[in-house]
Amino acid sequence: MNIEFKKIPASGIPFETSLGEIRFFGEALKTNKTMVKCTGIMEGNLLHVCDRCAESFKLMVNERVEVFASDGLYEDHEGEELLNVIEFFDSSINVDMILQSEIEAFKSDYHYCGQCEQLKGE
């Protein structure tokens, strides 16, 4: 799903996409001429491998997401709050790419199956 930067109002526009069993929905709103704030929820089930025993299991996902999309190269300013920014260079936001990126970031944390969760800390 692509949303053109010029079609996003300051009042916001809803979006929804999915990848496998993961659904991502929320709102994109323009914060300035070249920046859009995308806030939403990523939820569903994700097949994952336990980081302890290497068994596959379904991981429940229910995460709040806040990402900024930049129309072109983003340059931060000294003293500015550090932002989670994804740069797009074709004047549109690829919401599917944002979802894929957030899934990979979620998977990079340690996740244990139910059996290993009970053993955690031993």
Protein backbone atom coordinates (compact mmCIF):
# COMPACT_ATOMS: atom_id res chain seq x y z
CA MET A 1 0.00 0.00 0.00
CA ASN A 2 1.42 3.36 -1.06
CA ILE A 3 0.25 6.78 0.12
CA GLU A 4 1.47 9.88 -1.70
CA PHE A 5 3.01 12.51 0.58
CA LYS A 6 1.05 15.32 -1.09
CA LYS A 7 -2.27 13.58 -0.35
CA ILE A 8 -1.73 13.37 3.41
CA PRO A 9 -3.47 16.22 5.26
CA ALA A 10 -2.39 17.71 8.58
CA SER A 11 -5.62 16.27 10.04
CA GLY A 12 -4.47 12.74 9.12
CA ILE A 13 -5.50 9.86 6.88
CA PRO A 14 -6.21 6.26 8.02
CA PHE A 15 -4.26 3.30 6.65
CA GLU A 16 -4.42 -0.47 6.97
CA THR A 17 -2.29 -3.25 5.56
CA SER A 18 -1.28 -6.79 6.45
CA LEU A 19 1.50 -9.27 5.93
CA GLY A 20 0.74 -12.91 6.64
CA GLU A 21 -1.22 -12.98 9.88
CA ILE A 22 0.05 -9.56 11.02
CA ARG A 23 -2.25 -6.56 10.57
CA PHE A 24 -1.01 -2.96 10.75
CA PHE A 25 -3.51 -0.12 10.98
CA GLY A 26 -3.45 3.46 12.15
CA GLU A 27 -3.18 7.04 10.95
CA ALA A 28 -0.65 9.05 8.98
CA LEU A 29 -0.55 12.79 9.56
CA LYS A 30 1.68 15.44 8.08
CA THR A 31 3.90 17.20 10.62
CA ASN A 32 5.65 19.44 8.07
CA LYS A 33 6.22 19.70 4.32
CA THR A 34 8.45 16.62 4.11
CA MET A 35 7.61 14.64 7.27
CA VAL A 36 4.67 12.37 8.12
CA LYS A 37 4.03 10.74 11.50
CA CYS A 38 2.58 7.22 11.23
CA THR A 39 1.06 5.88 14.43
CA GLY A 40 -0.80 2.63 14.73
CA ILE A 41 -1.08 -0.90 16.03
CA MET A 42 0.63 -4.03 14.74
CA GLU A 43 -1.27 -7.13 15.83
CA GLY A 44 -1.67 -10.79 14.98
CA ASN A 45 0.33 -14.02 15.11
CA LEU A 46 3.85 -14.54 13.86
CA LEU A 47 5.58 -17.88 13.39
CA HIS A 48 8.87 -17.59 15.26
CA VAL A 49 11.70 -19.79 16.50
CA CYS A 50 12.29 -19.91 20.26
CA ASP A 51 15.57 -18.22 21.15
CA ARG A 52 16.33 -20.90 23.74
CA CYS A 53 15.26 -24.30 22.36
CA ALA A 54 14.89 -23.44 18.62
CA GLU A 55 11.36 -24.89 18.42
CA SER A 56 8.85 -23.05 16.21
CA PHE A 57 5.89 -21.44 17.92
CA LYS A 58 3.26 -18.80 17.26
CA LEU A 59 4.17 -15.48 18.79
CA MET A 60 1.34 -13.11 19.69
CA VAL A 61 2.02 -9.57 18.45
CA ASN A 62 0.21 -6.52 19.84
CA GLU A 63 2.54 -3.54 19.55
CA ARG A 64 2.03 0.19 19.30
CA VAL A 65 4.06 1.67 16.44
CA GLU A 66 5.23 5.26 15.94
CA VAL A 67 7.35 5.91 12.86
CA PHE A 68 8.16 9.06 10.93
CA ALA A 69 8.34 8.96 7.14
CA SER A 70 10.54 11.49 5.37
CA ASP A 71 10.00 12.56 1.77
CA GLY A 72 13.66 12.39 0.77
CA LEU A 73 16.81 12.55 2.84
CA TYR A 74 16.21 13.31 6.51
CA GLU A 75 18.69 15.53 8.31
CA ASP A 76 18.40 15.83 12.08
CA HIS A 77 19.15 19.08 13.85
CA GLU A 78 21.33 19.50 16.91
CA GLY A 79 19.30 19.25 20.11
CA GLU A 80 16.36 17.64 18.29
CA GLU A 81 14.71 14.58 19.81
CA LEU A 82 15.91 11.36 18.18
CA LEU A 83 13.18 10.08 15.85
CA ASN A 84 12.47 6.72 14.26
CA VAL A 85 12.61 7.90 10.63
CA ILE A 86 12.28 5.94 7.39
CA GLU A 87 13.29 7.78 4.23
CA PHE A 88 11.28 7.41 1.02
CA PHE A 89 12.56 8.78 -2.28
CA ASP A 90 9.60 8.39 -4.65
CA SER A 91 7.21 10.91 -3.04
CA SER A 92 5.08 8.16 -1.50
CA ILE A 93 5.04 6.15 1.71
CA ASN A 94 5.16 2.37 1.35
CA VAL A 95 3.14 1.21 4.38
CA ASP A 96 3.94 -2.44 3.59
CA MET A 97 7.64 -1.65 3.91
CA ILE A 98 7.04 0.05 7.26
CA LEU A 99 5.20 -3.05 8.46
CA GLN A 100 8.00 -5.37 7.27
CA SER A 101 10.58 -3.19 9.03
CA GLU A 102 8.60 -3.18 12.29
CA ILE A 103 8.13 -6.96 12.16
CA GLU A 104 11.88 -7.45 11.77
CA ALA A 105 12.56 -5.05 14.65
CA PHE A 106 10.06 -6.97 16.82
CA LYS A 107 11.63 -10.32 15.92
CA SER A 108 15.11 -9.06 16.81
CA ASP A 109 14.20 -9.14 20.52
CA TYR A 110 14.43 -12.37 22.52
CA HIS A 111 11.23 -14.46 22.42
CA TYR A 112 10.70 -17.76 24.21
CA CYS A 113 8.11 -20.49 23.67
CA GLY A 114 5.72 -21.24 26.53
CA GLN A 115 7.88 -24.05 27.92
CA CYS A 116 11.09 -21.99 27.90
CA GLU A 117 9.30 -18.92 29.29
CA GLN A 118 8.71 -20.94 32.47
CA LEU A 119 12.43 -21.79 32.64
CA LYS A 120 13.59 -18.21 32.09
CA GLY A 121 15.94 -17.04 34.81
CA GLU A 122 17.16 -20.52 35.76
